Amino acid sequence: MAAAAGLFYTRVLVQRIDTVSVSQATRGETRDAKDPINYLIIGTDSAATLDKSDPINAGREDYGELADVIMVLRVDPGTGQAWLLSIPRDTLVPISPSGRESKINSALNGPGGASDLIQTIKRNFGLSVDHYVQIDFRAFKQIVEVLGGIPAYFTNPVRDANTGLMVKETGCQVLGRDQALAYARARHLEFQEPDGTWQTDPRGDLGRIPRQQQFAKVLIHKALGNGIRNPGKALGVANSVIDVVKIDQQLSVQQLVDVGAQFRTFSSDQLKTYPLPSYDYNVGAAYQKVDWDEARKYLRVFQGLETGKPTVPRDVIVDVIGDTEDNAGPVTAALGKLEFDASTIVDNTSRDVPLVSYGPLGATGAMLIARSIEGPIELRFNEQMEGQRVQVELGDLRPTVSAELRPEDQLDANVRNELVERGATTESGDNPPSTIGDPNATAPAAAEGAPADTTVDEGAPTTDEAGAPTAGAEPDDGTATTEATDTGGEGATTTTQFGEASPPEPGLVGSESNAFIPIDYEKSLGCPG
């Protein structure tokens, strides 16, 4: 009877939930119970659901809905690990579907809304998104309220006139719903020195990222202390906030509770938090540019490259590029049935054979695609493609996709050899995958005759800003060439490294290195309330 009542309660919650359509953007629901999951968590700057008299509405204008906070939470139920990556909202990237460069937070305001933001993240950073969660100001306040406030230990008094933050005393303080939101939003944070003078956090908006990540850990600690590990209490919390949180149409409250049940021994200090490394870039406006040499150390985990397990289709992001939806759509659907994370791009081109493009970490994904498409294919190495991401350019073709992956020995020998030389993991044991914290694994030696670093073939087609190829002459020698541009990964290298001790230990990097964090996490764990 209790189980039946719980099931009924969950169904009631599901009926009340506000879902967001993200068709073709999130990864298909093909995971096993212990497969890692990537949640895209968005904090919007929307106060639309708050009462007009709420203090936060004072002086605010309606600029549309922007992604004020962008985080990717990766949880691995199989190992009980969790990682949190924050992407600065001012990061300058090509925005899907147009390819126009802009701040990443503007993607949410595009014609596809959440789908455009998800595709922008996938195509720039090479990481799949399984589920989408969107929280506005009201939802944030309600979460804090249902937890009874968030106790935190402050090392300095702090304030922010723009958000209304005012913490006058040091030591343990309980942040209620208004002050917690004011702290999370603070980008003009001031802190008081022991001599009574006030200083301003030199990192402004970027300083919020490490503060938000640390606040998230303190909030998780409070939630765990409130018994949220218990499914019944978890449902109670869900019931209190479900009306003001948006999730994708494939995610249910019960799924969240089930995942939480697999983390019953999880502690907040086990959450590893990383800001995406970036640097200041001013061209008439203030932007952040990704520091790719540093960022890749962190992205590997979120891309699924550090599990120590062989790559499977659901790990591979695929853009199917065809001249019409009628040509590309069926191929995308067929690859989806094989569990690839596949999407369609329509671009008016023509081809004699499908062109499969892949990057420094995408050779294994390209191998899986080669085993999926019947008939000949052409390969192109593109050093600017991040993670296990692959492009399949069909033009006016509609090739047959196998109902299941073909054996590797059925591939064209030249295709297989090139991909092995580029680092593809094979069923026969070539180039085994790396694992987190395994610095002793080494990169496979390149086979004799392996291609050197490639250059742009003047006769090869380039891509437009959206990452879709433009018309142009094709190379006639069958060699792998590098495209001139792509949707993400500026400054990529051609070197594939295996077995790095990545990601590094959590800490402030890049533009966040001088940020001021007034909350002492360790001391906060002992605060009452």
Protein backbone atom coordinates (compact mmCIF):
# COMPACT_ATOMS: atom_id res chain seq x y z
CA MET A 1 0.00 0.00 0.00
CA ALA A 2 2.86 2.38 0.80
CA ALA A 3 4.50 1.65 -2.54
CA ALA A 4 1.22 2.24 -4.37
CA ALA A 5 0.71 5.52 -2.54
CA GLY A 6 4.25 6.62 -3.41
CA LEU A 7 3.70 5.78 -7.07
CA PHE A 8 0.44 7.76 -7.12
CA TYR A 9 2.17 10.70 -5.43
CA THR A 10 4.95 10.66 -8.01
CA ARG A 11 2.43 10.65 -10.86
CA VAL A 12 0.69 13.65 -9.34
CA LEU A 13 4.02 15.48 -9.25
CA VAL A 14 4.76 14.61 -12.87
CA GLN A 15 1.41 16.06 -13.95
CA ARG A 16 2.30 19.36 -12.25
CA ILE A 17 5.77 19.65 -13.71
CA ASP A 18 6.61 22.32 -16.30
CA THR A 19 8.50 20.54 -19.07
CA VAL A 20 10.69 22.00 -21.79
CA SER A 21 10.78 20.51 -25.28
CA VAL A 22 14.38 19.79 -26.26
CA SER A 23 13.73 17.39 -29.15
CA GLN A 24 16.94 16.00 -30.71
CA ALA A 25 19.07 18.07 -28.32
CA THR A 26 19.35 15.81 -25.27
CA ARG A 27 20.76 12.32 -25.53
CA GLY A 28 18.21 9.53 -25.99
CA GLU A 29 17.07 7.64 -22.91
CA THR A 30 19.20 4.56 -23.62
CA ARG A 31 21.40 4.46 -20.53
CA ASP A 32 21.80 1.61 -18.11
CA ALA A 33 21.02 2.33 -14.48
CA LYS A 34 24.70 2.87 -13.61
CA ASP A 35 25.76 4.85 -16.69
CA PRO A 36 27.04 8.38 -16.03
CA ILE A 37 24.52 11.19 -16.60
CA ASN A 38 25.11 14.82 -17.63
CA TYR A 39 22.57 17.32 -16.30
CA LEU A 40 22.59 20.82 -17.76
CA ILE A 41 21.48 23.12 -14.92
CA ILE A 42 20.49 26.63 -15.91
CA GLY A 43 19.82 29.51 -13.56
CA THR A 44 17.94 32.18 -15.48
CA ASP A 45 17.78 35.86 -14.66
CA SER A 46 13.99 35.75 -14.88
CA ALA A 47 11.93 37.27 -12.08
CA ALA A 48 8.68 36.79 -14.01
CA THR A 49 7.30 34.28 -11.51
CA LEU A 50 7.97 36.53 -8.51
CA ASP A 51 5.44 38.96 -7.14
CA LYS A 52 5.84 42.45 -8.60
CA SER A 53 6.43 43.79 -5.09
CA ASP A 54 9.41 41.49 -4.51
CA PRO A 55 12.54 43.57 -3.74
CA ILE A 56 14.42 41.90 -6.59
CA ASN A 57 12.13 43.61 -9.12
CA ALA A 58 13.17 47.08 -8.02
CA GLY A 59 14.69 48.86 -11.03
CA ARG A 60 14.72 45.74 -13.21
CA GLU A 61 13.81 45.85 -16.87
CA ASP A 62 12.66 42.97 -19.06
CA TYR A 63 15.60 41.92 -21.25
CA GLY A 64 14.19 38.52 -22.11
CA GLU A 65 15.32 35.31 -20.46
CA LEU A 66 19.08 34.77 -20.39
CA ALA A 67 21.09 31.89 -18.95
CA ASP A 68 22.65 33.70 -16.02
CA VAL A 69 24.21 30.53 -14.57
CA ILE A 70 25.31 27.60 -16.73
CA MET A 71 26.47 24.43 -15.01
CA VAL A 72 26.95 20.84 -16.13
CA LEU A 73 26.57 18.29 -13.35
CA ARG A 74 27.95 14.83 -14.15
CA VAL A 75 26.99 12.02 -11.81
CA ASP A 76 28.27 8.47 -12.06
CA PRO A 77 25.97 6.12 -10.11
CA GLY A 78 28.34 3.25 -10.79
CA THR A 79 31.24 4.86 -8.87
CA GLY A 80 29.34 7.32 -6.66
CA GLN A 81 31.32 10.26 -8.08
CA ALA A 82 30.05 13.69 -9.12
CA TRP A 83 31.60 16.65 -10.93
CA LEU A 84 30.29 20.17 -11.53
CA LEU A 85 31.49 22.38 -14.39
CA SER A 86 30.56 26.08 -14.61
CA ILE A 87 30.64 27.84 -17.97
CA PRO A 88 31.00 31.65 -17.73
CA ARG A 89 27.88 33.28 -19.11
CA ASP A 90 29.97 35.75 -21.16
CA THR A 91 31.93 33.01 -22.99
CA LEU A 92 32.19 33.95 -26.68
CA VAL A 93 31.21 30.99 -28.88
CA PRO A 94 29.28 30.29 -32.10
CA ILE A 95 25.61 30.00 -31.16
CA SER A 96 23.49 27.21 -32.68
CA PRO A 97 21.77 27.12 -35.09
CA SER A 98 22.98 30.33 -36.78
CA GLY A 99 26.66 30.01 -35.94
CA ARG A 100 26.83 33.70 -35.09
CA GLU A 101 29.40 34.37 -32.37
CA SER A 102 27.93 35.78 -29.20
CA LYS A 103 27.86 35.28 -25.45
CA ILE A 104 26.77 31.75 -24.65
CA ASN A 105 23.99 32.93 -22.33
CA SER A 106 22.15 34.44 -25.32
CA ALA A 107 21.51 30.96 -26.78
CA LEU A 108 18.56 30.48 -24.44
CA ASN A 109 16.87 33.46 -26.06
CA GLY A 110 17.17 31.93 -29.55
CA PRO A 111 14.31 30.49 -31.63
CA GLY A 112 14.81 27.02 -30.16
CA GLY A 113 15.21 28.16 -26.56
CA ALA A 114 16.70 25.40 -24.40
CA SER A 115 17.41 23.24 -27.48
CA ASP A 116 19.62 25.95 -28.96
CA LEU A 117 21.58 26.27 -25.72
CA ILE A 118 22.07 22.50 -25.47
CA GLN A 119 23.22 22.24 -29.10
CA THR A 120 25.57 25.20 -28.56
CA ILE A 121 27.18 23.40 -25.62
CA LYS A 122 27.37 20.07 -27.46
CA ARG A 123 28.94 21.53 -30.61
CA ASN A 124 31.45 23.77 -28.85
CA PHE A 125 32.54 21.52 -25.99
CA GLY A 126 31.87 18.02 -27.31
CA LEU A 127 29.82 16.89 -24.32
CA SER A 128 26.38 15.31 -24.41
CA VAL A 129 23.47 16.50 -22.31
CA ASP A 130 21.13 13.86 -20.90
CA HIS A 131 18.73 16.09 -19.02
CA TYR A 132 17.89 19.77 -18.63
CA VAL A 133 16.90 21.60 -15.43
CA GLN A 134 16.01 25.31 -15.39
CA ILE A 135 15.70 27.34 -12.20
CA ASP A 136 14.57 30.97 -12.01
CA PHE A 137 14.74 33.38 -9.07
CA ARG A 138 11.52 32.14 -7.50
CA ALA A 139 12.58 28.49 -7.74
CA PHE A 140 15.94 29.27 -6.12
CA LYS A 141 14.24 31.08 -3.26
CA GLN A 142 11.78 28.27 -2.76
CA ILE A 143 14.53 25.63 -2.61
CA VAL A 144 16.34 27.63 0.08
CA GLU A 145 13.10 28.15 1.99
CA VAL A 146 12.10 24.48 2.03
CA LEU A 147 15.56 23.64 3.40
CA GLY A 148 15.05 26.14 6.22
CA GLY A 149 17.85 28.47 5.13
CA ILE A 150 21.51 27.75 4.37
CA PRO A 151 24.01 27.98 7.25
CA ALA A 152 27.43 29.25 6.14
CA TYR A 153 30.59 30.49 7.86
CA PHE A 154 31.66 33.95 6.65
CA THR A 155 35.29 35.01 6.99
CA ASN A 156 34.44 38.67 6.29
CA PRO A 157 31.37 40.89 6.26
CA VAL A 158 30.15 41.23 2.66
CA ARG A 159 27.72 43.36 0.69
CA ASP A 160 26.49 44.06 -2.82
CA ALA A 161 24.31 47.12 -3.34
CA ASN A 162 23.08 45.80 -6.68
CA THR A 163 21.57 42.60 -5.29
CA GLY A 164 20.80 43.75 -1.74
CA LEU A 165 23.33 41.41 -0.12
CA MET A 166 24.33 42.42 3.38
CA VAL A 167 26.10 40.11 5.82
CA LYS A 168 27.32 42.28 8.69
CA GLU A 169 28.94 39.68 10.92
CA THR A 170 31.59 37.01 10.49
CA GLY A 171 31.18 33.43 11.64
CA CYS A 172 28.13 31.22 11.20
CA GLN A 173 25.18 32.93 9.52
CA VAL A 174 21.96 31.41 8.18
CA LEU A 175 21.08 32.79 4.76
CA GLY A 176 17.36 32.99 4.15
CA ARG A 177 15.74 32.94 0.73
CA ASP A 178 16.39 36.61 -0.11
CA GLN A 179 19.97 36.82 1.14
CA ALA A 180 20.90 33.45 -0.40
CA LEU A 181 19.74 34.68 -3.81
CA ALA A 182 21.48 38.01 -3.30
CA TYR A 183 24.72 36.15 -2.53
CA ALA A 184 24.40 33.84 -5.55
CA ARG A 185 23.73 36.79 -7.87
CA ALA A 186 26.42 39.11 -6.46
CA ARG A 187 28.79 40.26 -9.19
CA HIS A 188 29.77 43.55 -7.48
CA LEU A 189 30.75 41.89 -4.20
CA GLU A 190 32.48 43.99 -1.57
CA PHE A 191 34.14 42.57 1.54
CA GLN A 192 35.30 44.29 4.70
CA GLU A 193 38.89 44.03 5.85
CA PRO A 194 39.76 43.69 9.58
CA ASP A 195 40.70 47.40 9.63
CA GLY A 196 37.14 48.32 8.60
CA THR A 197 37.87 49.27 4.99
CA TRP A 198 35.85 47.79 2.14
CA GLN A 199 37.41 46.13 -0.91
CA THR A 200 35.79 45.00 -4.17
CA ASP A 201 36.21 41.52 -5.62
CA PRO A 202 38.50 42.17 -8.62
CA ARG A 203 36.88 39.47 -10.76
CA GLY A 204 33.35 40.88 -10.84
CA ASP A 205 31.03 38.54 -12.72
CA LEU A 206 33.64 35.76 -12.91
CA GLY A 207 34.08 35.88 -9.16
CA ARG A 208 30.52 34.58 -8.83
CA ILE A 209 31.43 31.22 -10.35
CA PRO A 210 33.61 29.81 -7.55
CA ARG A 211 31.30 31.39 -4.97
CA GLN A 212 28.25 29.74 -6.57
CA GLN A 213 30.01 26.38 -6.76
CA GLN A 214 31.01 26.51 -3.12
CA PHE A 215 27.51 27.65 -2.15
CA ALA A 216 26.13 24.64 -4.06
CA LYS A 217 28.27 22.34 -1.89
CA VAL A 218 27.05 24.02 1.30
CA LEU A 219 23.45 23.72 0.04
CA ILE A 220 23.96 20.01 -0.73
CA HIS A 221 25.35 19.51 2.77
CA LYS A 222 22.24 21.13 4.27
CA ALA A 223 19.94 19.04 2.05
CA LEU A 224 21.68 15.84 3.09
CA GLY A 225 21.41 16.91 6.71
CA ASN A 226 17.66 17.37 6.20
CA GLY A 227 17.36 13.72 5.27
CA ILE A 228 16.99 14.14 1.52
CA ARG A 229 18.67 10.74 1.08
CA ASN A 230 15.35 9.29 2.19
CA PRO A 231 13.12 8.89 -0.91
CA GLY A 232 10.06 10.02 1.04
CA LYS A 233 11.70 13.26 2.14
CA ALA A 234 13.16 13.74 -1.35
CA LEU A 235 9.65 13.58 -2.78
CA GLY A 236 8.53 16.08 -0.18
CA VAL A 237 11.21 18.54 -1.27
CA ALA A 238 10.29 17.91 -4.90
CA ASN A 239 6.66 18.62 -4.09
CA SER A 240 7.55 22.02 -2.65
CA VAL A 241 9.52 23.26 -5.66
CA ILE A 242 8.08 21.34 -8.61
CA ASP A 243 5.75 24.17 -9.63
CA VAL A 244 8.62 26.57 -10.28
CA VAL A 245 11.30 24.33 -11.84
CA LYS A 246 11.41 23.44 -15.53
CA ILE A 247 12.83 20.12 -16.74
CA ASP A 248 13.08 18.36 -20.09
CA GLN A 249 10.20 16.15 -21.19
CA GLN A 250 12.17 12.92 -20.66
CA LEU A 251 13.06 13.62 -17.03
CA SER A 252 10.70 12.74 -14.21
CA VAL A 253 10.71 13.38 -10.50
CA GLN A 254 10.94 9.65 -9.90
CA GLN A 255 14.12 9.45 -12.02
CA LEU A 256 15.71 12.16 -9.90
CA VAL A 257 14.70 10.36 -6.72
CA ASP A 258 16.04 7.05 -8.09
CA VAL A 259 19.41 8.60 -8.96
CA GLY A 260 19.53 10.24 -5.54
CA ALA A 261 18.90 6.85 -3.93
CA GLN A 262 22.10 5.59 -5.56
CA PHE A 263 24.04 8.36 -3.79
CA ARG A 264 22.87 7.70 -0.24
CA THR A 265 26.46 7.65 1.07
CA PHE A 266 27.48 10.74 -0.94
CA SER A 267 28.99 13.65 0.96
CA SER A 268 29.03 17.27 -0.24
CA ASP A 269 32.82 17.39 -0.08
CA GLN A 270 32.95 14.62 -2.70
CA LEU A 271 31.53 16.99 -5.32
CA LYS A 272 34.43 18.15 -7.49
CA THR A 273 33.81 21.65 -8.82
CA TYR A 274 35.55 23.30 -11.78
CA PRO A 275 35.17 26.66 -13.51
CA LEU A 276 35.75 26.38 -17.27
CA PRO A 277 39.16 28.05 -17.75
CA SER A 278 38.88 31.27 -19.73
CA TYR A 279 40.56 34.62 -20.25
CA ASP A 280 39.37 38.19 -20.76
CA TYR A 281 38.63 39.21 -24.35
CA ASN A 282 37.54 42.78 -25.03
CA VAL A 283 36.48 43.83 -28.53
CA GLY A 284 34.12 46.71 -27.86
CA ALA A 285 32.39 44.54 -25.26
CA ALA A 286 33.62 42.32 -22.45
CA TYR A 287 33.77 38.62 -23.33
CA GLN A 288 35.48 35.48 -22.08
CA LYS A 289 37.41 33.22 -24.43
CA VAL A 290 37.98 29.57 -23.55
CA ASP A 291 41.53 28.68 -22.55
CA TRP A 292 41.48 25.41 -24.47
CA ASP A 293 44.84 24.07 -23.27
CA GLU A 294 43.53 24.16 -19.70
CA ALA A 295 39.86 23.48 -20.45
CA ARG A 296 40.50 20.09 -22.06
CA LYS A 297 41.86 18.75 -18.78
CA TYR A 298 38.42 19.26 -17.27
CA LEU A 299 36.23 18.56 -20.28
CA ARG A 300 37.52 15.00 -20.73
CA VAL A 301 35.51 13.82 -17.74
CA PHE A 302 32.28 15.45 -18.92
CA GLN A 303 32.87 14.10 -22.44
CA GLY A 304 32.97 10.55 -21.08
CA LEU A 305 36.61 10.04 -22.03
CA GLU A 306 37.88 9.09 -18.57
CA THR A 307 35.69 6.14 -17.67
CA GLY A 308 38.22 3.49 -18.66
CA LYS A 309 35.45 1.83 -20.65
CA PRO A 310 35.31 1.45 -24.43
CA THR A 311 33.37 4.14 -26.27
CA VAL A 312 29.83 3.11 -27.22
CA PRO A 313 27.46 4.91 -29.63
CA ARG A 314 25.68 6.86 -26.87
CA ASP A 315 29.03 8.52 -26.07
CA VAL A 316 29.34 9.91 -29.60
CA ILE A 317 27.79 13.25 -30.65
CA VAL A 318 26.88 13.15 -34.35
CA ASP A 319 25.71 15.99 -36.59
CA VAL A 320 24.16 14.63 -39.77
CA ILE A 321 24.43 17.30 -42.47
CA GLY A 322 22.17 16.93 -45.50
CA ASP A 323 20.76 19.13 -48.24
CA THR A 324 17.20 18.55 -46.99
CA GLU A 325 15.47 17.27 -43.89
CA ASP A 326 14.10 14.43 -46.04
CA ASN A 327 17.63 13.17 -46.72
CA ALA A 328 19.28 13.84 -43.37
CA GLY A 329 16.34 13.09 -41.06
CA PRO A 330 16.03 9.33 -41.74
CA VAL A 331 19.80 8.87 -41.32
CA THR A 332 19.70 10.79 -38.03
CA ALA A 333 16.80 8.65 -36.84
CA ALA A 334 18.57 5.42 -37.84
CA LEU A 335 21.74 6.46 -36.00
CA GLY A 336 19.56 7.33 -33.02
CA LYS A 337 18.21 3.79 -33.01
CA LEU A 338 21.83 2.63 -32.72
CA GLU A 339 21.97 4.95 -29.65
CA PHE A 340 24.19 7.68 -31.14
CA ASP A 341 23.56 11.21 -29.83
CA ALA A 342 22.50 12.35 -33.30
CA SER A 343 21.08 15.66 -34.61
CA THR A 344 20.33 17.07 -38.05
CA ILE A 345 21.77 20.13 -39.81
CA VAL A 346 20.30 21.15 -43.16
CA ASP A 347 22.81 22.67 -45.60
CA ASN A 348 22.52 22.77 -49.38
CA THR A 349 25.50 20.69 -50.53
CA SER A 350 26.09 17.63 -52.70
CA ARG A 351 28.50 14.72 -52.36
CA ASP A 352 29.58 11.54 -54.11
CA VAL A 353 30.19 9.63 -50.85
CA PRO A 354 29.45 10.55 -47.22
CA LEU A 355 32.18 12.59 -45.52
CA VAL A 356 32.93 11.69 -41.88
CA SER A 357 34.83 14.42 -39.98
CA TYR A 358 36.33 13.88 -36.52
CA GLY A 359 38.75 15.58 -34.14
CA PRO A 360 41.75 14.66 -31.97
CA LEU A 361 39.56 12.67 -29.55
CA GLY A 362 36.94 11.54 -32.02
CA ALA A 363 38.62 8.70 -33.92
CA THR A 364 36.81 6.00 -31.94
CA GLY A 365 33.48 7.69 -32.59
CA ALA A 366 34.31 7.90 -36.29
CA MET A 367 35.10 4.18 -36.25
CA LEU A 368 31.65 3.44 -34.82
CA ILE A 369 30.04 5.63 -37.48
CA ALA A 370 32.02 3.83 -40.19
CA ARG A 371 30.64 0.55 -38.84
CA SER A 372 27.12 2.00 -39.06
CA ILE A 373 27.02 3.39 -42.60
CA GLU A 374 26.93 0.87 -45.42
CA GLY A 375 29.06 1.59 -48.46
CA PRO A 376 32.20 3.74 -48.92
CA ILE A 377 32.93 6.84 -46.83
CA GLU A 378 35.56 9.54 -46.88
CA LEU A 379 37.38 10.64 -43.72
CA ARG A 380 38.53 14.09 -42.75
CA PHE A 381 40.51 14.97 -39.64
CA ASN A 382 39.42 18.31 -38.16
CA GLU A 383 41.61 19.47 -35.29
CA GLN A 384 38.97 21.95 -34.12
CA MET A 385 36.32 19.37 -33.19
CA GLU A 386 36.13 18.74 -29.46
CA GLY A 387 35.56 15.46 -27.66
CA GLN A 388 33.91 12.41 -29.20
CA ARG A 389 32.08 14.50 -31.76
CA VAL A 390 31.63 13.50 -35.41
CA GLN A 391 30.10 15.20 -38.45
CA VAL A 392 28.55 13.14 -41.23
CA GLU A 393 28.08 15.22 -44.37
CA LEU A 394 25.60 13.61 -46.74
CA GLY A 395 24.76 16.43 -49.10
CA ASP A 396 22.11 15.02 -51.43
CA LEU A 397 22.82 11.38 -50.43
CA ARG A 398 20.78 9.10 -48.19
CA PRO A 399 23.01 6.14 -47.33
CA THR A 400 21.75 3.00 -45.64
CA VAL A 401 22.42 2.71 -41.92
CA SER A 402 22.91 -0.83 -40.62
CA ALA A 403 20.46 -2.20 -38.09
CA GLU A 404 23.46 -3.00 -35.89
CA LEU A 405 27.15 -2.19 -35.91
CA ARG A 406 29.06 -4.12 -38.53
CA PRO A 407 32.19 -6.03 -37.49
CA GLU A 408 35.41 -4.04 -37.79
CA ASP A 409 36.87 -6.52 -40.27
CA GLN A 410 34.19 -5.48 -42.75
CA LEU A 411 35.52 -1.91 -42.89
CA ASP A 412 37.69 -0.64 -45.70
CA ALA A 413 41.29 -1.33 -44.60
CA ASN A 414 42.41 2.26 -45.32
CA VAL A 415 39.57 3.68 -43.22
CA ARG A 416 40.31 1.39 -40.31
CA ASN A 417 44.07 1.98 -40.45
CA GLU A 418 43.74 5.76 -40.53
CA LEU A 419 41.41 5.79 -37.53
CA VAL A 420 43.66 3.45 -35.54
CA GLU A 421 46.60 5.73 -36.32
CA ARG A 422 44.57 8.63 -35.03
CA GLY A 423 43.95 6.83 -31.72
CA ALA A 424 40.72 4.87 -32.24
CA THR A 425 40.05 2.17 -29.67
CA THR A 426 39.22 -1.10 -31.39
CA GLU A 427 37.65 -4.37 -30.37
CA SER A 428 40.97 -6.08 -31.01
CA GLY A 429 42.68 -3.97 -28.33
CA ASP A 430 44.28 -1.08 -30.18
CA ASN A 431 44.57 2.15 -28.17
CA PRO A 432 42.78 1.18 -24.93
CA PRO A 433 40.79 4.01 -23.31
CA SER A 434 42.25 6.02 -20.45
CA THR A 435 40.94 6.30 -16.92
CA ILE A 436 40.79 9.09 -14.37
CA GLY A 437 43.95 9.37 -12.33
CA ASP A 438 45.94 6.88 -14.40
CA PRO A 439 49.07 8.85 -15.34
CA ASN A 440 51.01 5.68 -16.15
CA ALA A 441 49.02 4.87 -19.28
CA THR A 442 50.75 6.13 -22.40
CA ALA A 443 49.71 7.22 -25.83
CA PRO A 444 49.90 4.46 -28.44
CA ALA A 445 52.82 4.68 -30.77
CA ALA A 446 51.78 5.84 -34.21
CA ALA A 447 51.85 3.09 -36.77
CA GLU A 448 54.50 3.28 -39.46
CA GLY A 449 53.34 5.68 -42.12
CA ALA A 450 50.90 7.47 -39.83
CA PRO A 451 49.89 10.88 -41.14
CA ALA A 452 51.75 13.84 -39.72
CA ASP A 453 49.97 16.92 -38.40
CA THR A 454 47.61 17.88 -41.15
CA THR A 455 47.17 21.22 -42.79
CA VAL A 456 44.28 22.81 -44.55
CA ASP A 457 43.86 21.55 -48.08
CA GLU A 458 43.18 24.57 -50.25
CA GLY A 459 40.75 22.48 -52.25
CA ALA A 460 38.83 21.20 -49.23
CA PRO A 461 35.49 22.71 -48.28
CA THR A 462 35.30 24.94 -45.25
CA THR A 463 32.41 25.13 -42.84
CA ASP A 464 30.04 27.95 -42.16
CA GLU A 465 29.62 29.43 -38.68
CA ALA A 466 27.06 26.80 -37.74
CA GLY A 467 29.57 24.06 -38.49
CA ALA A 468 27.81 22.98 -41.68
CA PRO A 469 30.09 22.58 -44.71
CA THR A 470 29.86 25.05 -47.52
CA ALA A 471 30.06 24.08 -51.15
CA GLY A 472 33.54 23.72 -52.59
CA ALA A 473 35.94 21.43 -54.35
CA GLU A 474 36.72 18.13 -52.69
CA PRO A 475 40.25 16.73 -52.27
CA ASP A 476 40.85 14.09 -54.88
CA ASP A 477 43.65 12.16 -53.22
CA GLY A 478 41.62 10.57 -50.43
CA THR A 479 43.87 11.94 -47.69
CA ALA A 480 42.66 13.29 -44.36
CA THR A 481 42.55 17.07 -44.32
CA THR A 482 41.70 19.69 -41.76
CA GLU A 483 38.72 21.97 -42.25
CA ALA A 484 39.33 25.66 -41.83
CA THR A 485 36.60 26.34 -39.29
CA ASP A 486 34.15 24.56 -37.05
CA THR A 487 31.53 25.34 -34.46
CA GLY A 488 33.85 25.02 -31.50
CA GLY A 489 37.28 24.23 -30.19
CA GLU A 490 39.36 27.16 -31.37
CA GLY A 491 43.04 26.51 -30.93
CA ALA A 492 42.76 22.74 -30.79
CA THR A 493 45.91 20.66 -31.14
CA THR A 494 46.40 17.54 -33.19
CA THR A 495 47.88 15.60 -30.28
CA THR A 496 45.73 12.98 -28.60
CA GLN A 497 46.90 12.22 -25.07
CA PHE A 498 45.89 9.06 -23.27
CA GLY A 499 45.95 8.30 -19.58
CA GLU A 500 46.40 11.83 -18.29
CA ALA A 501 45.91 12.38 -14.57
CA SER A 502 42.92 14.49 -15.43
CA PRO A 503 41.04 16.41 -14.42
CA PRO A 504 43.32 18.32 -12.03
CA GLU A 505 42.29 18.75 -8.44
CA PRO A 506 39.52 21.31 -7.99
CA GLY A 507 40.65 24.89 -7.56
CA LEU A 508 40.49 28.36 -9.05
CA VAL A 509 41.91 28.63 -12.55
CA GLY A 510 42.27 31.24 -15.25
CA SER A 511 40.18 34.35 -14.86
CA GLU A 512 38.72 33.15 -11.54
CA SER A 513 42.10 32.84 -9.80
CA ASN A 514 41.81 36.19 -7.99
CA ALA A 515 38.18 35.81 -6.95
CA PHE A 516 37.27 36.44 -3.33
CA ILE A 517 35.28 33.70 -1.58
CA PRO A 518 33.97 34.80 1.82
CA ILE A 519 32.47 31.45 2.85
CA ASP A 520 34.73 28.90 4.53
CA TYR A 521 33.33 25.55 3.41
CA GLU A 522 34.97 23.38 6.08
CA LYS A 523 33.83 25.63 8.91
CA SER A 524 30.36 25.87 7.36
CA LEU A 525 29.92 22.11 7.90
CA GLY A 526 29.92 22.75 11.65
CA CYS A 527 27.43 25.63 11.60
CA PRO A 528 24.10 25.02 13.35
CA GLY A 529 20.82 25.46 11.49
